[in-house]
C-alpha atoms as a PDB file:
ATOM      1  CA  MET A   1     190.783 152.065  86.242  1.00  0.00           C
ATOM      2  CA  THR A   2     193.900 154.193  86.368  1.00  0.00           C
ATOM      3  CA  TYR A   3     194.850 156.582  89.119  1.00  0.00           C
ATOM      4  CA  GLY A   4     196.300 160.064  88.824  1.00  0.00           C
ATOM      5  CA  GLU A   5     197.590 162.568  91.349  1.00  0.00           C
ATOM      6  CA  ALA A   6     196.735 162.122  95.027  1.00  0.00           C
ATOM      7  CA  GLY A   7     195.404 158.614  94.380  1.00  0.00           C
ATOM      8  CA  ALA A   8     192.183 159.850  92.788  1.00  0.00           C
ATOM      9  CA  PRO A   9     190.806 157.834  89.878  1.00  0.00           C
ATOM     10  CA  GLU A  10     191.944 159.398  86.624  1.00  0.00           C
ATOM     11  CA  GLY A  11     189.204 161.569  85.182  1.00  0.00           C
ATOM     12  CA  GLY A  12     187.720 161.947  88.646  1.00  0.00           C
ATOM     13  CA  ASP A  13     187.517 164.761  91.126  1.00  0.00           C
ATOM     14  CA  ALA A  14     189.674 164.179  94.228  1.00  0.00           C
ATOM     15  CA  ARG A  15     187.618 166.704  96.238  1.00  0.00           C
ATOM     16  CA  THR A  16     184.223 165.094  95.656  1.00  0.00           C
ATOM     17  CA  GLY A  17     185.239 161.488  95.046  1.00  0.00           C
ATOM     18  CA  HIS A  18     183.251 161.096  91.839  1.00  0.00           C
ATOM     19  CA  LEU A  19     184.073 160.225  88.257  1.00  0.00           C
ATOM     20  CA  ASP A  20     182.401 161.740  85.231  1.00  0.00           C
ATOM     21  CA  GLY A  21     179.707 159.884  83.313  1.00  0.00           C
ATOM     22  CA  ASN A  22     182.247 158.364  80.938  1.00  0.00           C
ATOM     23  CA  ALA A  23     182.784 155.765  83.676  1.00  0.00           C
ATOM     24  CA  LEU A  24     179.416 154.315  82.596  1.00  0.00           C
ATOM     25  CA  ALA A  25     180.602 153.537  79.041  1.00  0.00           C
ATOM     26  CA  GLY A  26     181.842 150.027  79.771  1.00  0.00           C
ATOM     27  CA  PRO A  27     179.059 148.823  82.063  1.00  0.00           C
ATOM     28  CA  LEU A  28     176.276 150.231  79.865  1.00  0.00           C
ATOM     29  CA  SER A  29     177.817 148.780  76.689  1.00  0.00           C
ATOM     30  CA  GLU A  30     176.579 145.407  77.956  1.00  0.00           C
ATOM     31  CA  VAL A  31     172.997 146.703  77.744  1.00  0.00           C
ATOM     32  CA  PHE A  32     172.980 149.215  74.863  1.00  0.00           C
ATOM     33  CA  ALA A  33     174.366 148.778  71.336  1.00  0.00           C
ATOM     34  CA  VAL A  34     175.270 152.496  71.180  1.00  0.00           C
ATOM     35  CA  ASP A  35     177.553 154.724  73.255  1.00  0.00           C
ATOM     36  CA  VAL A  36     175.128 155.926  75.902  1.00  0.00           C
ATOM     37  CA  THR A  37     177.570 158.513  77.282  1.00  0.00           C
ATOM     38  CA  ALA A  38     176.673 160.680  74.247  1.00  0.00           C
ATOM     39  CA  ALA A  39     172.947 160.418  75.007  1.00  0.00           C
ATOM     40  CA  THR A  40     171.130 163.339  76.604  1.00  0.00           C
ATOM     41  CA  THR A  41     169.392 162.756  79.901  1.00  0.00           C
ATOM     42  CA  ARG A  42     166.913 164.898  81.840  1.00  0.00           C
ATOM     43  CA  CYS A  43     167.014 164.802  85.638  1.00  0.00           C
ATOM     44  CA  ALA A  44     163.591 163.957  87.064  1.00  0.00           C
ATOM     45  CA  THR A  45     164.339 166.067  90.158  1.00  0.00           C
ATOM     46  CA  CYS A  46     165.450 169.425  88.720  1.00  0.00           C
ATOM     47  CA  GLY A  47     164.940 169.111  84.944  1.00  0.00           C
ATOM     48  CA  CYS A  48     168.623 169.644  84.113  1.00  0.00           C
ATOM     49  CA  THR A  49     169.493 168.230  80.689  1.00  0.00           C
ATOM     50  CA  GLY A  50     172.923 167.197  79.466  1.00  0.00           C
ATOM     51  CA  PRO A  51     174.961 164.292  78.191  1.00  0.00           C
ATOM     52  CA  VAL A  52     175.292 161.187  80.333  1.00  0.00           C
ATOM     53  CA  ALA A  53     179.052 161.866  80.262  1.00  0.00           C
ATOM     54  CA  ARG A  54     178.499 164.890  82.551  1.00  0.00           C
ATOM     55  CA  LEU A  55     176.777 162.948  85.316  1.00  0.00           C
ATOM     56  CA  HIS A  56     178.753 162.488  88.542  1.00  0.00           C
ATOM     57  CA  VAL A  57     179.395 158.759  88.976  1.00  0.00           C
ATOM     58  CA  TYR A  58     180.145 157.154  92.332  1.00  0.00           C
ATOM     59  CA  GLY A  59     181.394 153.584  92.551  1.00  0.00           C
ATOM     60  CA  TYR A  60     181.470 153.031  96.296  1.00  0.00           C
ATOM     61  CA  ALA A  61     178.063 151.330  96.442  1.00  0.00           C
ATOM     62  CA  PRO A  62     177.361 147.905  94.980  1.00  0.00           C
ATOM     63  CA  GLY A  63     177.489 149.050  91.368  1.00  0.00           C
ATOM     64  CA  LEU A  64     177.579 152.587  90.016  1.00  0.00           C
ATOM     65  CA  VAL A  65     175.387 155.520  91.034  1.00  0.00           C
ATOM     66  CA  ALA A  66     175.135 158.466  88.600  1.00  0.00           C
ATOM     67  CA  ARG A  67     173.956 161.773  90.038  1.00  0.00           C
ATOM     68  CA  CYS A  68     172.802 164.981  88.369  1.00  0.00           C
ATOM     69  CA  GLN A  69     175.602 167.481  87.850  1.00  0.00           C
ATOM     70  CA  ARG A  70     173.335 170.315  89.043  1.00  0.00           C
ATOM     71  CA  CYS A  71     171.227 169.076  91.979  1.00  0.00           C
ATOM     72  CA  GLY A  72     172.937 165.804  92.946  1.00  0.00           C
ATOM     73  CA  GLY A  73     169.765 163.751  92.537  1.00  0.00           C
ATOM     74  CA  VAL A  74     170.210 160.106  91.540  1.00  0.00           C
ATOM     75  CA  VAL A  75     169.615 159.816  87.781  1.00  0.00           C
ATOM     76  CA  LEU A  76     170.575 156.192  87.260  1.00  0.00           C
ATOM     77  CA  ARG A  77     172.016 153.185  89.023  1.00  0.00           C
ATOM     78  CA  THR A  78     173.551 150.107  87.482  1.00  0.00           C
ATOM     79  CA  THR A  79     175.041 146.957  88.885  1.00  0.00           C
ATOM     80  CA  ARG A  80     176.083 143.623  87.463  1.00  0.00           C
ATOM     81  CA  THR A  81     175.167 140.370  89.180  1.00  0.00           C
ATOM     82  CA  ARG A  82     175.833 136.808  88.154  1.00  0.00           C
ATOM     83  CA  ASN A  83     172.296 136.752  86.707  1.00  0.00           C
ATOM     84  CA  GLY A  84     172.464 139.932  84.631  1.00  0.00           C
ATOM     85  CA  VAL A  85     172.717 143.692  84.593  1.00  0.00           C
ATOM     86  CA  TRP A  86     170.323 145.776  86.695  1.00  0.00           C
ATOM     87  CA  LEU A  87     169.596 149.270  85.449  1.00  0.00           C
ATOM     88  CA  ASP A  88     167.440 151.722  87.429  1.00  0.00           C
ATOM     89  CA  MET A  89     166.703 154.929  85.529  1.00  0.00           C
ATOM     90  CA  SER A  90     163.834 156.146  87.706  1.00  0.00           C
ATOM     91  CA  GLY A  91     165.699 159.422  88.299  1.00  0.00           C
ATOM     92  CA  ALA A  92     165.747 160.263  84.583  1.00  0.00           C
ATOM     93  CA  SER A  93     162.592 161.698  83.064  1.00  0.00           C
ATOM     94  CA  SER A  94     164.028 161.052  79.594  1.00  0.00           C
ATOM     95  CA  LEU A  95     167.008 159.628  77.730  1.00  0.00           C
ATOM     96  CA  ALA A  96     167.583 160.764  74.129  1.00  0.00           C
ATOM     97  CA  ILE A  97     170.010 158.508  72.240  1.00  0.00           C
ATOM     98  CA  PRO A  98     171.507 159.973  69.054  1.00  0.00           C
ATOM     99  CA  LEU A  99     171.341 157.676  66.035  1.00  0.00           C
ATOM    100  CA  ALA A 100     173.809 157.554  63.157  1.00  0.00           C
ATOM    101  CA  ASP A 101     172.673 159.239  59.952  1.00  0.00           C
ATOM    102  CA  HIS A 102     171.361 156.802  57.348  1.00  0.00           C
END
């Protein structure tokens, strides 16, 4: 991770302390064979839809917590342990992954 002005992670928001959903690209690439940041998610709390890349990602917990850009509800959580990758998507009512044209 690189840091920009005022010591905030690059691509992050120094005022809120979060990164955008692109911070999930690396960790989720261990689970999915596609770039999940381009997928569209629907928040189970407020129904907001948008790309995973727009979620607000916080890395201060064990793992990463991605929150809805509108209501702040937890959409997904992921953490890596020595036994595997844990992915909790209970806050997403759907995840639409675009496929390449055949």
